Amino acid sequence: MLPINKKIFFVKSKLIKMMAAMVFVVIISSFSVKHFSAEPMQINIPSNFPSPVYDFKNNPLTKEGFELGRKLFYDGILSRTGNISCGSCHQQASAFIQADHDLSHGVDDQLGRRNSLPVFNALFKKSFFWDGGVPLLELVPANPLENPLEMDEKLDNVIKKLNASATYRTQFKNAFGVDTVSAKEFFYAFAQFMGAMISANSRYDKYVRHEGVQLTPDELEGMNVFKQKCSSCHTTDLFTDGSYRNNGITNDFSNDKGREEVTLDPADRGKFKVPSLRNVEYTAPYMHDGSFETLEQVLEHYNSGVKESATLDNLVKQNNGKTGIPLTKTEQQQIILFLKTLTDKEFLIDKRFSEL
């Protein structure tokens, strides 16, 4: 049985997500976006990427909107205590995860329940967070903002604080042509900043786009092994299929049921989002619970540590009835060499995404 307080938290989380989604649908269906003199901003979609999911048609990307979103991303004004920002748990130098923390840290130094996911290539995602409880890019800030273990604030309070700031009122006016800040502009500003955070300039990208970069024989062999044994889940050049799977990290779901907490379907128990492997060299610790410190540990888990449970994914089951994906030590090292070619060092220091 789950502790009563965790049950309440799960229910509250689902209600928050549903209420926020309903409010947002009303907002975007009732207003049109006017940018007045805001300067249009363009982003380039990498030629080796699939088509974006998010459409800026209803939220035209502008320099002013992007800069406003960046300021909000790094501002503790979103939290109850005033000192926890999105950037607190999503640090650029670590590909926008919270470095050296198994679980995210929020207000009053409280521990969250899950490891923070990296923030990039959101433009190509159909849903967000480990359990997929947020279906729209615009709604992503609402989840940590109202989570009592993260920012522990209320959206209404944040909007009041923004309206009380002459600086923010001016920035919202410049970006969206409004005299009073509302949730719509708040969500849209975040979507512009996060939607523009594209990571696609790794050595691998330059190799597949024929931009003068070659991979070593071991890296190429690692890519071949990866395609044979890992690419069923980590598909396309996004290196994720966006699905939710139970990969055998644990068979005890008493503290975290994963995707089931959103769908309420027992068939989703223990399933979590397949994360992108881009910049994975910098996003340790790994898995939803931060249980692995190194890539070596991750690959050995798949080789010998997969735990059986009712919802274990078929892709980590063998024909002989055993669990896991057989990987020799040589194959593991070759895969790791390949995974390091997915590091986009330009993205990790890109000043467009840095704190102001």
Protein backbone atom coordinates (compact mmCIF):
# COMPACT_ATOMS: atom_id res chain seq x y z
CA MET A 1 0.00 0.00 0.00
CA LEU A 2 1.16 3.54 -0.71
CA PRO A 3 1.50 6.00 2.17
CA ILE A 4 -1.56 8.27 2.42
CA ASN A 5 0.43 11.40 1.64
CA LYS A 6 1.78 9.88 -1.59
CA LYS A 7 -1.70 8.85 -2.64
CA ILE A 8 -2.87 12.41 -2.13
CA PHE A 9 0.09 13.68 -4.12
CA PHE A 10 -0.70 11.35 -7.03
CA VAL A 11 -4.33 12.43 -7.09
CA LYS A 12 -3.39 16.09 -6.81
CA SER A 13 -0.90 15.75 -9.66
CA LYS A 14 -3.49 14.22 -11.97
CA LEU A 15 -6.07 16.87 -11.08
CA ILE A 16 -3.55 19.64 -11.69
CA LYS A 17 -2.70 18.24 -15.10
CA MET A 18 -6.33 17.82 -16.11
CA MET A 19 -7.38 21.23 -14.83
CA ALA A 20 -4.43 22.97 -16.46
CA ALA A 21 -5.16 21.27 -19.76
CA MET A 22 -8.83 22.32 -19.69
CA VAL A 23 -7.96 25.91 -18.78
CA PHE A 24 -5.36 26.07 -21.52
CA VAL A 25 -7.74 24.75 -24.17
CA VAL A 26 -10.20 27.50 -23.25
CA ILE A 27 -7.46 30.11 -23.36
CA ILE A 28 -6.02 29.25 -26.77
CA SER A 29 -9.46 28.84 -28.33
CA SER A 30 -10.64 32.24 -27.11
CA PHE A 31 -7.76 34.48 -28.15
CA SER A 32 -5.53 35.12 -31.10
CA VAL A 33 -1.87 35.98 -30.67
CA LYS A 34 -0.78 39.50 -31.57
CA HIS A 35 2.91 40.30 -31.58
CA PHE A 36 2.69 43.91 -32.79
CA SER A 37 6.28 45.04 -33.49
CA ALA A 38 7.95 41.92 -32.13
CA GLU A 39 10.82 40.73 -34.34
CA PRO A 40 10.21 37.34 -36.01
CA MET A 41 12.75 34.67 -35.13
CA GLN A 42 13.63 31.65 -37.23
CA ILE A 43 14.95 28.26 -36.15
CA ASN A 44 16.46 25.69 -38.45
CA ILE A 45 15.10 22.15 -38.42
CA PRO A 46 18.03 19.73 -38.81
CA SER A 47 17.90 17.81 -42.09
CA ASN A 48 18.39 14.49 -40.26
CA PHE A 49 15.48 15.09 -37.84
CA PRO A 50 11.84 14.11 -38.27
CA SER A 51 9.17 16.79 -38.66
CA PRO A 52 8.39 18.86 -35.55
CA VAL A 53 5.34 18.04 -33.47
CA TYR A 54 4.87 21.54 -32.09
CA ASP A 55 3.55 24.13 -34.53
CA PHE A 56 4.41 27.78 -33.95
CA LYS A 57 1.41 28.81 -36.05
CA ASN A 58 -0.63 29.78 -32.98
CA ASN A 59 2.40 31.13 -31.15
CA PRO A 60 4.69 32.83 -33.70
CA LEU A 61 8.29 32.69 -32.57
CA THR A 62 9.83 36.11 -31.96
CA LYS A 63 13.05 37.41 -30.47
CA GLU A 64 11.10 39.15 -27.70
CA GLY A 65 9.06 36.06 -26.87
CA PHE A 66 12.15 33.85 -26.82
CA GLU A 67 14.08 36.23 -24.55
CA LEU A 68 11.09 36.50 -22.21
CA GLY A 69 10.89 32.71 -22.03
CA ARG A 70 14.59 32.53 -21.24
CA LYS A 71 14.24 35.04 -18.41
CA LEU A 72 11.30 33.11 -16.94
CA PHE A 73 13.21 29.82 -17.22
CA TYR A 74 15.96 31.13 -14.94
CA ASP A 75 13.83 33.17 -12.53
CA GLY A 76 13.05 31.90 -9.01
CA ILE A 77 9.89 34.02 -9.07
CA LEU A 78 8.11 30.87 -10.24
CA SER A 79 8.66 29.16 -6.88
CA ARG A 80 7.04 29.70 -3.50
CA THR A 81 10.41 30.52 -1.90
CA GLY A 82 11.65 32.67 -4.78
CA ASN A 83 14.91 30.75 -5.17
CA ILE A 84 14.04 27.70 -7.30
CA SER A 85 13.91 28.20 -11.05
CA CYS A 86 13.56 25.80 -13.95
CA GLY A 87 17.28 26.30 -14.43
CA SER A 88 17.90 24.98 -10.91
CA CYS A 89 17.03 21.46 -12.04
CA HIS A 90 17.97 21.90 -15.68
CA GLN A 91 21.57 23.11 -15.91
CA GLN A 92 23.03 23.86 -19.33
CA ALA A 93 26.50 22.46 -18.74
CA SER A 94 24.88 19.10 -17.99
CA ALA A 95 22.56 19.14 -21.02
CA PHE A 96 19.87 20.70 -18.84
CA ILE A 97 19.61 18.05 -16.13
CA GLN A 98 20.37 18.57 -12.43
CA ALA A 99 23.97 17.42 -12.23
CA ASP A 100 25.04 14.97 -9.51
CA HIS A 101 21.51 14.49 -8.17
CA ASP A 102 19.74 11.14 -8.33
CA LEU A 103 16.43 12.93 -7.71
CA SER A 104 15.48 16.52 -8.40
CA HIS A 105 15.76 19.02 -5.53
CA GLY A 106 13.02 21.58 -4.98
CA VAL A 107 11.92 24.21 -2.46
CA ASP A 108 13.17 23.80 1.11
CA ASP A 109 15.69 21.30 -0.31
CA GLN A 110 12.95 18.71 -0.73
CA LEU A 111 13.65 15.67 -2.84
CA GLY A 112 11.44 15.00 -5.83
CA ARG A 113 10.41 11.49 -6.76
CA ARG A 114 12.28 11.26 -10.07
CA ASN A 115 15.48 12.18 -11.81
CA SER A 116 15.22 15.35 -13.89
CA LEU A 117 14.99 14.77 -17.64
CA PRO A 118 17.15 16.84 -20.01
CA VAL A 119 15.49 19.79 -21.75
CA PHE A 120 16.13 19.97 -25.48
CA ASN A 121 14.43 19.06 -28.75
CA ALA A 122 11.04 19.60 -27.10
CA LEU A 123 9.74 20.74 -30.49
CA PHE A 124 9.67 17.09 -31.57
CA LYS A 125 7.92 15.56 -28.54
CA LYS A 126 4.29 14.47 -28.28
CA SER A 127 4.26 14.34 -24.47
CA PHE A 128 6.47 15.30 -21.55
CA PHE A 129 7.92 14.03 -18.28
CA TRP A 130 8.71 10.45 -17.29
CA ASP A 131 5.04 9.50 -17.14
CA GLY A 132 3.85 11.55 -20.12
CA GLY A 133 1.31 13.35 -17.97
CA VAL A 134 1.64 16.61 -19.93
CA PRO A 135 0.52 16.41 -23.58
CA LEU A 136 1.36 19.97 -24.71
CA LEU A 137 4.62 21.90 -24.77
CA GLU A 138 2.86 25.01 -23.45
CA LEU A 139 1.76 23.18 -20.30
CA VAL A 140 5.21 21.92 -19.28
CA PRO A 141 5.87 24.75 -16.74
CA ALA A 142 2.59 24.09 -14.90
CA ASN A 143 3.76 20.69 -13.68
CA PRO A 144 6.89 21.67 -11.69
CA LEU A 145 5.35 25.01 -10.73
CA GLU A 146 2.47 23.40 -8.81
CA ASN A 147 4.38 20.32 -7.63
CA PRO A 148 4.76 20.62 -3.82
CA LEU A 149 8.17 18.95 -3.99
CA GLU A 150 9.52 21.22 -6.70
CA MET A 151 8.35 24.86 -6.88
CA ASP A 152 5.29 24.53 -4.63
CA GLU A 153 3.60 27.60 -6.10
CA LYS A 154 0.24 28.37 -7.72
CA LEU A 155 -0.13 29.60 -11.28
CA ASP A 156 -2.42 32.42 -10.14
CA ASN A 157 0.22 33.64 -7.68
CA VAL A 158 2.92 33.61 -10.35
CA ILE A 159 0.75 35.64 -12.72
CA LYS A 160 0.13 38.16 -9.92
CA LYS A 161 3.86 38.46 -9.26
CA LEU A 162 4.57 39.00 -12.95
CA ASN A 163 1.91 41.72 -13.18
CA ALA A 164 3.43 43.40 -10.12
CA SER A 165 6.76 43.70 -11.94
CA ALA A 166 7.13 46.72 -14.22
CA THR A 167 10.01 44.98 -16.02
CA TYR A 168 7.97 41.89 -16.77
CA ARG A 169 4.92 43.91 -17.81
CA THR A 170 7.11 45.75 -20.33
CA GLN A 171 8.59 42.52 -21.67
CA PHE A 172 5.19 40.88 -22.05
CA LYS A 173 3.94 44.03 -23.77
CA ASN A 174 6.85 43.93 -26.20
CA ALA A 175 6.44 40.22 -26.90
CA PHE A 176 2.67 39.84 -26.99
CA GLY A 177 1.20 43.34 -27.06
CA VAL A 178 -0.68 42.93 -23.77
CA ASP A 179 -0.97 45.37 -20.88
CA THR A 180 -1.83 42.63 -18.38
CA VAL A 181 -0.04 39.31 -18.18
CA SER A 182 -2.22 36.20 -18.37
CA ALA A 183 -1.53 32.47 -18.27
CA LYS A 184 -1.70 32.35 -22.05
CA GLU A 185 1.29 34.64 -22.58
CA PHE A 186 3.16 32.97 -19.72
CA PHE A 187 2.80 29.54 -21.33
CA TYR A 188 3.53 30.87 -24.81
CA ALA A 189 6.79 32.52 -23.72
CA PHE A 190 8.02 29.25 -22.23
CA ALA A 191 7.03 27.36 -25.37
CA GLN A 192 9.04 29.76 -27.52
CA PHE A 193 12.20 29.38 -25.45
CA MET A 194 11.96 25.62 -24.99
CA GLY A 195 10.86 25.04 -28.57
CA ALA A 196 13.96 26.80 -29.86
CA MET A 197 16.33 24.66 -27.77
CA ILE A 198 17.45 22.29 -30.50
CA SER A 199 20.50 20.09 -30.00
CA ALA A 200 21.71 18.69 -33.33
CA ASN A 201 25.39 19.49 -33.82
CA SER A 202 27.16 16.46 -32.40
CA ARG A 203 29.92 14.62 -34.23
CA TYR A 204 27.32 12.02 -35.17
CA ASP A 205 25.08 14.68 -36.73
CA LYS A 206 27.93 16.10 -38.76
CA TYR A 207 28.88 12.60 -39.86
CA VAL A 208 25.39 11.64 -41.09
CA ARG A 209 24.92 15.05 -42.72
CA HIS A 210 28.27 14.70 -44.51
CA GLU A 211 29.72 17.82 -42.94
CA GLY A 212 33.36 16.74 -42.98
CA VAL A 213 33.40 14.60 -39.82
CA GLN A 214 34.38 10.93 -39.72
CA LEU A 215 33.80 8.42 -36.94
CA THR A 216 36.51 6.02 -35.81
CA PRO A 217 36.28 2.28 -36.60
CA ASP A 218 35.28 1.53 -32.99
CA GLU A 219 32.64 4.26 -33.03
CA LEU A 220 31.24 2.90 -36.28
CA GLU A 221 31.20 -0.63 -34.88
CA GLY A 222 29.44 0.75 -31.80
CA MET A 223 26.86 2.34 -34.07
CA ASN A 224 26.29 -1.02 -35.76
CA VAL A 225 25.85 -2.82 -32.43
CA PHE A 226 23.58 -0.03 -31.25
CA LYS A 227 21.38 -0.40 -34.33
CA GLN A 228 21.13 -4.15 -33.73
CA LYS A 229 20.42 -4.10 -30.01
CA CYS A 230 19.21 -0.64 -28.93
CA SER A 231 17.50 1.13 -31.81
CA SER A 232 14.09 -0.53 -31.40
CA CYS A 233 13.40 1.96 -28.61
CA HIS A 234 15.94 4.67 -29.36
CA THR A 235 14.76 5.34 -32.90
CA THR A 236 15.39 8.08 -35.47
CA ASP A 237 18.05 10.72 -34.97
CA LEU A 238 16.14 11.90 -31.91
CA PHE A 239 17.25 8.57 -30.36
CA THR A 240 13.88 7.89 -28.77
CA ASP A 241 10.56 6.60 -30.02
CA GLY A 242 8.76 8.65 -27.36
CA SER A 243 7.12 5.54 -25.92
CA TYR A 244 6.73 4.35 -22.33
CA ARG A 245 8.30 1.05 -21.36
CA ASN A 246 9.20 -1.07 -18.35
CA ASN A 247 12.88 -1.83 -18.85
CA GLY A 248 13.31 -3.91 -15.70
CA ILE A 249 14.99 -1.41 -13.42
CA THR A 250 12.84 -2.71 -10.56
CA ASN A 251 9.85 -4.94 -9.91
CA ASP A 252 8.73 -2.95 -6.87
CA PHE A 253 6.38 -0.17 -7.93
CA SER A 254 4.98 0.67 -4.51
CA ASN A 255 6.52 4.15 -4.53
CA ASP A 256 6.21 4.98 -8.21
CA LYS A 257 3.84 3.32 -10.67
CA GLY A 258 5.10 5.32 -13.64
CA ARG A 259 2.76 5.74 -16.59
CA GLU A 260 -0.08 4.04 -14.69
CA GLU A 261 -0.42 7.14 -12.52
CA VAL A 262 -1.57 9.02 -15.63
CA THR A 263 -3.58 6.41 -17.50
CA LEU A 264 -4.84 4.49 -14.41
CA ASP A 265 -4.26 1.34 -16.46
CA PRO A 266 -2.43 -1.47 -14.58
CA ALA A 267 -0.91 -2.51 -17.92
CA ASP A 268 1.18 0.70 -17.71
CA ARG A 269 2.59 -0.06 -14.26
CA GLY A 270 6.33 0.54 -14.12
CA LYS A 271 6.49 2.08 -17.58
CA PHE A 272 8.50 5.27 -18.07
CA LYS A 273 9.39 7.39 -21.07
CA VAL A 274 12.19 6.18 -23.29
CA PRO A 275 14.61 9.12 -22.98
CA SER A 276 16.67 10.54 -25.81
CA LEU A 277 20.29 9.42 -25.75
CA ARG A 278 21.55 12.71 -27.13
CA ASN A 279 24.14 14.28 -24.82
CA VAL A 280 23.88 11.16 -22.65
CA GLU A 281 27.58 11.50 -21.83
CA TYR A 282 26.60 14.49 -19.67
CA THR A 283 23.23 13.47 -18.23
CA ALA A 284 24.21 11.05 -15.45
CA PRO A 285 22.75 9.68 -13.27
CA TYR A 286 20.50 7.62 -15.48
CA MET A 287 16.96 6.18 -15.41
CA HIS A 288 13.86 7.69 -13.83
CA ASP A 289 15.19 7.03 -10.34
CA GLY A 290 18.80 8.01 -11.00
CA SER A 291 19.90 4.52 -10.03
CA PHE A 292 22.89 4.25 -12.39
CA GLU A 293 25.90 6.53 -12.22
CA THR A 294 27.68 5.41 -15.37
CA LEU A 295 26.92 4.23 -18.89
CA GLU A 296 28.78 1.04 -18.07
CA GLN A 297 26.25 0.32 -15.33
CA VAL A 298 23.37 1.04 -17.70
CA LEU A 299 24.59 -1.42 -20.32
CA GLU A 300 25.42 -4.09 -17.77
CA HIS A 301 21.88 -3.72 -16.45
CA TYR A 302 20.53 -4.65 -19.87
CA ASN A 303 23.02 -7.49 -20.12
CA SER A 304 22.48 -9.09 -16.71
CA GLY A 305 20.33 -6.99 -14.37
CA VAL A 306 16.84 -6.81 -15.89
CA LYS A 307 14.18 -7.69 -13.32
CA GLU A 308 11.10 -9.63 -14.35
CA SER A 309 7.61 -8.21 -13.73
CA ALA A 310 4.15 -8.44 -15.29
CA THR A 311 4.64 -5.39 -17.54
CA LEU A 312 8.27 -5.98 -18.51
CA ASP A 313 8.76 -4.90 -22.11
CA ASN A 314 9.04 -7.69 -24.67
CA LEU A 315 12.16 -6.11 -26.13
CA VAL A 316 14.13 -7.03 -23.00
CA LYS A 317 12.95 -10.62 -23.05
CA GLN A 318 14.88 -13.33 -24.85
CA ASN A 319 13.51 -16.30 -26.77
CA ASN A 320 14.99 -18.68 -24.21
CA GLY A 321 12.84 -17.18 -21.46
CA LYS A 322 15.66 -15.18 -19.92
CA THR A 323 15.55 -11.40 -19.47
CA GLY A 324 17.93 -8.80 -20.82
CA ILE A 325 19.85 -7.98 -23.99
CA PRO A 326 23.09 -9.98 -24.30
CA LEU A 327 26.05 -7.62 -24.63
CA THR A 328 29.70 -8.58 -24.42
CA LYS A 329 32.12 -6.25 -22.67
CA THR A 330 33.58 -5.30 -26.04
CA GLU A 331 30.14 -4.49 -27.43
CA GLN A 332 29.34 -2.41 -24.36
CA GLN A 333 32.50 -0.36 -24.75
CA GLN A 334 31.87 0.12 -28.45
CA ILE A 335 28.31 1.30 -27.79
CA ILE A 336 29.60 3.79 -25.23
CA LEU A 337 32.11 5.15 -27.73
CA PHE A 338 29.26 5.62 -30.19
CA LEU A 339 27.00 7.24 -27.58
CA LYS A 340 29.69 9.84 -26.89
CA THR A 341 29.50 10.90 -30.54
CA LEU A 342 25.98 12.13 -29.71
CA THR A 343 27.38 14.89 -27.47
CA ASP A 344 26.58 18.35 -28.82
CA LYS A 345 29.25 20.48 -27.18
CA GLU A 346 28.09 23.58 -29.02
CA PHE A 347 24.67 23.26 -27.38
CA LEU A 348 26.18 22.92 -23.90
CA ILE A 349 27.79 26.36 -24.16
CA ASP A 350 25.37 28.12 -26.50
CA LYS A 351 24.87 31.56 -24.95
CA ARG A 352 21.36 31.82 -26.42
CA PHE A 353 20.23 29.28 -23.84
CA SER A 354 22.39 30.47 -20.92
CA GLU A 355 21.20 32.32 -17.86
CA LEU A 356 21.05 36.07 -18.40
